[in-house]
N, C-alpha and C. Protein backbone atom coordinates (compact mmCIF):
# COMPACT_ATOMS: atom_id res chain seq x y z
N MET A 1 185.96 -35.44 57.59
CA MET A 1 186.38 -35.35 59.04
C MET A 1 185.36 -34.66 59.80
N TYR A 2 184.74 -33.55 59.32
CA TYR A 2 183.70 -32.78 60.00
C TYR A 2 182.55 -33.72 60.46
N LYS A 3 181.96 -34.41 59.44
CA LYS A 3 180.77 -35.24 59.87
C LYS A 3 181.23 -36.25 61.00
N ILE A 4 182.33 -36.90 60.95
CA ILE A 4 182.84 -37.69 62.01
C ILE A 4 182.77 -37.08 63.47
N VAL A 5 183.29 -35.82 63.54
CA VAL A 5 183.48 -35.06 64.70
C VAL A 5 181.91 -34.91 65.07
N GLU A 6 181.08 -34.39 64.16
CA GLU A 6 179.82 -34.05 64.54
C GLU A 6 179.03 -35.24 65.09
N LYS A 7 179.24 -36.43 64.47
CA LYS A 7 178.40 -37.61 64.82
C LYS A 7 179.10 -37.94 66.28
N LYS A 8 180.32 -37.84 66.52
CA LYS A 8 180.88 -37.98 68.06
C LYS A 8 180.08 -37.18 69.00
N SER A 9 179.97 -35.88 68.66
CA SER A 9 179.43 -34.87 69.49
C SER A 9 177.99 -35.06 69.61
N GLU A 10 177.29 -35.48 68.62
CA GLU A 10 175.95 -35.79 68.77
C GLU A 10 175.59 -37.16 69.60
N LEU A 11 176.56 -38.22 69.47
CA LEU A 11 176.49 -39.32 70.22
C LEU A 11 176.69 -39.07 71.75
N PHE A 12 177.74 -38.37 71.97
CA PHE A 12 178.04 -37.95 73.33
C PHE A 12 176.87 -37.11 74.03
N ILE A 13 176.18 -36.33 73.33
CA ILE A 13 175.05 -35.43 73.65
C ILE A 13 173.87 -36.32 74.03
N GLN A 14 173.67 -37.36 73.16
CA GLN A 14 172.68 -38.40 73.23
C GLN A 14 172.82 -39.24 74.49
N LYS A 15 173.92 -39.68 74.69
CA LYS A 15 174.28 -40.49 75.93
C LYS A 15 174.16 -39.50 77.22
N LEU A 16 174.54 -38.29 77.27
CA LEU A 16 174.48 -37.47 78.33
C LEU A 16 172.92 -37.18 78.58
N VAL A 17 172.15 -36.87 77.66
CA VAL A 17 170.82 -36.53 77.75
C VAL A 17 170.06 -37.81 78.31
N ASP A 18 170.28 -39.05 77.83
CA ASP A 18 169.73 -40.18 78.26
C ASP A 18 170.03 -40.52 79.72
N ARG A 19 171.33 -40.34 80.06
CA ARG A 19 171.70 -40.40 81.42
C ARG A 19 170.90 -39.43 82.44
N ILE A 20 170.85 -38.16 81.95
CA ILE A 20 170.10 -37.14 82.74
C ILE A 20 168.61 -37.65 82.88
N ILE A 21 167.94 -38.00 81.75
CA ILE A 21 166.70 -38.40 81.89
C ILE A 21 166.37 -39.67 82.61
N THR A 22 167.34 -40.69 82.48
CA THR A 22 167.05 -41.87 83.37
C THR A 22 167.29 -41.54 84.85
N SER A 23 168.08 -40.60 85.22
CA SER A 23 168.35 -40.29 86.61
C SER A 23 167.07 -39.42 87.13
N GLY A 24 166.58 -38.69 86.35
CA GLY A 24 165.47 -37.92 86.61
C GLY A 24 165.82 -36.49 87.17
N LYS A 25 167.13 -36.36 87.13
CA LYS A 25 167.68 -35.07 87.67
C LYS A 25 168.74 -34.46 86.85
N MET A 26 168.72 -33.11 86.89
CA MET A 26 169.89 -32.43 86.16
C MET A 26 170.42 -31.28 86.98
N ASN A 27 171.72 -31.39 87.26
CA ASN A 27 172.33 -30.38 88.05
C ASN A 27 173.15 -29.46 87.31
N ARG A 28 173.87 -28.49 87.78
CA ARG A 28 174.59 -27.43 87.11
C ARG A 28 175.72 -27.97 86.33
N GLN A 29 176.34 -29.00 86.86
CA GLN A 29 177.49 -29.58 86.00
C GLN A 29 176.96 -30.20 84.76
N ASP A 30 175.83 -31.00 84.76
CA ASP A 30 175.31 -31.62 83.66
C ASP A 30 174.88 -30.55 82.60
N TYR A 31 174.30 -29.31 83.18
CA TYR A 31 173.78 -28.34 82.25
C TYR A 31 175.06 -27.79 81.54
N SER A 32 176.15 -27.39 82.35
CA SER A 32 177.37 -26.88 81.66
C SER A 32 177.75 -27.74 80.75
N LEU A 33 177.94 -28.99 80.96
CA LEU A 33 178.46 -30.07 79.94
C LEU A 33 177.73 -30.15 78.77
N LEU A 34 176.56 -30.14 78.94
CA LEU A 34 175.64 -30.23 77.92
C LEU A 34 175.57 -28.96 76.86
N THR A 35 175.63 -27.81 77.59
CA THR A 35 175.45 -26.51 76.76
C THR A 35 176.89 -26.30 76.01
N SER A 36 177.93 -26.66 76.78
CA SER A 36 179.37 -26.41 76.11
C SER A 36 179.51 -27.36 75.07
N THR A 37 179.09 -28.55 75.19
CA THR A 37 179.22 -29.43 73.96
C THR A 37 178.37 -29.17 72.77
N ILE A 38 177.32 -28.72 73.14
CA ILE A 38 176.30 -28.22 71.97
C ILE A 38 176.84 -27.01 71.25
N ILE A 39 177.30 -26.02 71.98
CA ILE A 39 177.66 -24.88 71.27
C ILE A 39 179.20 -24.71 70.83
N ALA A 40 179.99 -26.01 71.19
CA ALA A 40 181.27 -25.97 70.83
C ALA A 40 181.68 -25.80 69.34
N ASP A 41 180.85 -26.21 68.47
CA ASP A 41 181.11 -26.04 67.09
C ASP A 41 180.37 -24.90 66.42
N GLY A 42 179.50 -24.10 67.33
CA GLY A 42 179.01 -22.84 66.86
C GLY A 42 177.73 -23.08 66.11
N GLU A 43 177.20 -24.34 65.89
CA GLU A 43 176.01 -24.59 65.31
C GLU A 43 175.17 -25.60 66.14
N VAL A 44 173.89 -25.46 66.03
CA VAL A 44 173.09 -26.64 66.74
C VAL A 44 172.42 -27.49 65.63
N SER A 45 172.75 -28.72 65.54
CA SER A 45 172.26 -29.64 64.57
C SER A 45 170.76 -30.11 64.89
N ASP A 46 169.95 -30.54 63.96
CA ASP A 46 168.74 -31.22 64.10
C ASP A 46 168.63 -32.15 65.43
N VAL A 47 169.73 -33.01 65.19
CA VAL A 47 169.76 -34.05 66.16
C VAL A 47 170.09 -33.36 67.71
N GLU A 48 170.91 -32.56 67.69
CA GLU A 48 171.08 -31.71 69.13
C GLU A 48 169.99 -30.96 69.51
N ARG A 49 169.10 -30.34 68.52
CA ARG A 49 167.97 -29.62 68.94
C ARG A 49 166.92 -30.63 69.55
N ARG A 50 166.83 -31.78 68.89
CA ARG A 50 165.71 -32.71 69.53
C ARG A 50 166.30 -33.18 70.86
N GLN A 51 167.45 -33.31 71.17
CA GLN A 51 167.96 -33.61 72.52
C GLN A 51 167.69 -32.54 73.45
N ILE A 52 167.91 -31.33 73.13
CA ILE A 52 167.54 -30.01 74.02
C ILE A 52 165.97 -30.22 74.28
N ASN A 53 165.22 -30.43 73.12
CA ASN A 53 163.76 -30.51 73.30
C ASN A 53 163.37 -31.65 74.38
N ARG A 54 163.92 -32.80 74.24
CA ARG A 54 163.73 -33.87 75.29
C ARG A 54 163.88 -33.30 76.62
N ILE A 55 164.89 -32.55 76.93
CA ILE A 55 165.14 -32.09 78.22
C ILE A 55 164.02 -31.14 78.71
N PHE A 56 163.64 -30.22 77.89
CA PHE A 56 162.74 -29.30 78.02
C PHE A 56 161.38 -29.98 78.29
N ASP A 57 160.96 -30.88 77.47
CA ASP A 57 159.70 -31.59 77.67
C ASP A 57 159.65 -32.25 78.97
N TYR A 58 160.81 -32.93 79.33
CA TYR A 58 160.74 -33.66 80.75
C TYR A 58 160.75 -32.60 81.87
N ILE A 59 161.35 -31.36 81.78
CA ILE A 59 161.28 -30.65 82.77
C ILE A 59 159.91 -30.02 82.91
N GLN A 60 159.16 -29.71 81.74
CA GLN A 60 157.85 -29.08 81.68
C GLN A 60 156.91 -30.06 82.33
N THR A 61 156.93 -31.31 82.09
CA THR A 61 156.03 -32.33 82.52
C THR A 61 156.28 -32.80 83.83
N GLY A 62 157.37 -32.40 84.63
CA GLY A 62 157.77 -32.76 85.87
C GLY A 62 158.43 -34.09 86.06
N ARG A 63 158.78 -34.57 84.98
CA ARG A 63 159.70 -35.76 84.98
C ARG A 63 161.13 -35.66 85.15
N LEU A 64 161.51 -34.39 85.22
CA LEU A 64 163.09 -34.15 85.34
C LEU A 64 163.04 -32.95 86.35
N LYS A 65 163.80 -33.04 87.35
CA LYS A 65 164.07 -32.05 88.33
C LYS A 65 165.36 -31.38 88.25
N LEU A 66 165.31 -30.08 88.25
CA LEU A 66 166.65 -29.38 88.41
C LEU A 66 167.11 -29.29 89.87
N VAL A 67 168.21 -29.95 90.19
CA VAL A 67 168.95 -29.91 91.48
C VAL A 67 170.11 -29.21 91.56
N ASP A 68 170.41 -28.70 92.75
CA ASP A 68 171.78 -27.98 93.14
C ASP A 68 171.89 -26.63 92.21
N TRP A 69 170.73 -26.02 92.11
CA TRP A 69 170.90 -24.76 91.42
C TRP A 69 171.00 -23.58 92.39
C-alpha cells in the first residue's frame, strides 16, 4: 500500500513540476503545494529530489521566474 501512495505522490509532483516548467513561472501557491506534497510523508525520495533539482536548475538558468512573491 505504501508504494502505491508513494507512486501517486511522485506522479502528482512530476505533473506539478512539468506544469510549472512549461509555464515558465512559479508562484507562492505552486511553491506551497509542491513543498507540502513533498514533505507530507516525512521523507524525500530520489524521484522527488530530482524534481526539486529540476526546479532549482530552471531558476538558476533563468528559464523559470518566481512571480507574486
